[in-house]
Amino acid sequence: MREDVAQRIVAARAGAPFLSAEDLCLRARLETPVMKRLAGGDALQSRPCRTPATRMNTSFSG
């Protein structure tokens, strides 16, 4: 992961915990390839999406 991406995640997390994968994506301004890498590494497992529509939008299975 590029350092600027990691810094955006840390900065976004400083304000409040992420509520979902979608929240992480929006607040840290992450692009789909980054979200796919995070999902592939199980980094999003503890961040369940809150609604069925959100789950569909953040599945990142390509």
Protein backbone atom coordinates (compact mmCIF):
# COMPACT_ATOMS: atom_id res chain seq x y z
CA MET A 1 0.00 0.00 0.00
CA ARG A 2 1.30 3.42 -0.86
CA GLU A 3 2.20 5.65 2.05
CA ASP A 4 -0.25 8.39 1.04
CA VAL A 5 -3.09 5.86 1.07
CA ALA A 6 -2.10 4.62 4.53
CA GLN A 7 -1.89 8.20 5.78
CA ARG A 8 -5.41 8.93 4.50
CA ILE A 9 -6.72 5.87 6.35
CA VAL A 10 -4.99 6.90 9.58
CA ALA A 11 -6.21 10.49 9.28
CA ALA A 12 -9.79 9.40 8.58
CA ARG A 13 -9.72 6.96 11.52
CA ALA A 14 -8.45 9.67 13.89
CA GLY A 15 -11.85 11.37 13.80
CA ALA A 16 -13.92 8.31 14.67
CA PRO A 17 -13.96 4.55 14.14
CA PHE A 18 -15.11 3.38 10.73
CA LEU A 19 -18.71 2.18 10.77
CA SER A 20 -18.44 0.03 7.64
CA ALA A 21 -16.31 -0.71 4.60
CA GLU A 22 -18.28 1.96 2.77
CA ASP A 23 -17.49 4.48 5.52
CA LEU A 24 -13.77 3.62 5.25
CA CYS A 25 -13.89 3.99 1.48
CA LEU A 26 -15.64 7.35 1.56
CA ARG A 27 -13.81 9.00 4.45
CA ALA A 28 -10.33 7.85 3.40
CA ARG A 29 -11.08 8.51 -0.28
CA LEU A 30 -10.01 5.00 -1.31
CA GLU A 31 -10.28 3.73 -4.84
CA THR A 32 -11.70 0.33 -5.77
CA PRO A 33 -8.29 -1.38 -6.30
CA VAL A 34 -7.24 -0.43 -2.75
CA MET A 35 -10.52 -1.70 -1.31
CA LYS A 36 -10.10 -4.96 -3.24
CA ARG A 37 -6.61 -5.43 -1.78
CA LEU A 38 -7.89 -4.73 1.74
CA ALA A 39 -10.78 -7.15 1.26
CA GLY A 40 -8.45 -9.78 -0.18
CA GLY A 41 -6.26 -9.52 2.89
CA ASP A 42 -9.27 -9.88 5.22
CA ALA A 43 -8.72 -6.35 6.51
CA LEU A 44 -12.44 -5.63 6.19
CA GLN A 45 -13.78 -8.71 8.01
CA SER A 46 -14.50 -6.86 11.26
CA ARG A 47 -16.35 -4.07 9.43
CA PRO A 48 -19.71 -5.53 8.41
CA CYS A 49 -21.81 -3.43 6.10
CA ARG A 50 -24.99 -2.17 7.68
CA THR A 51 -27.55 -2.75 4.92
CA PRO A 52 -28.04 -5.23 2.07
CA ALA A 53 -27.64 -2.39 -0.45
CA THR A 54 -24.34 -1.38 1.11
CA ARG A 55 -23.14 -4.99 1.10
CA MET A 56 -23.77 -5.14 -2.65
CA ASN A 57 -21.97 -1.85 -3.27
CA THR A 58 -18.90 -2.81 -1.23
CA SER A 59 -18.46 -6.46 -2.18
CA PHE A 60 -15.44 -5.62 -4.39
CA SER A 61 -15.39 -9.13 -5.83
CA GLY A 62 -14.90 -7.61 -9.24
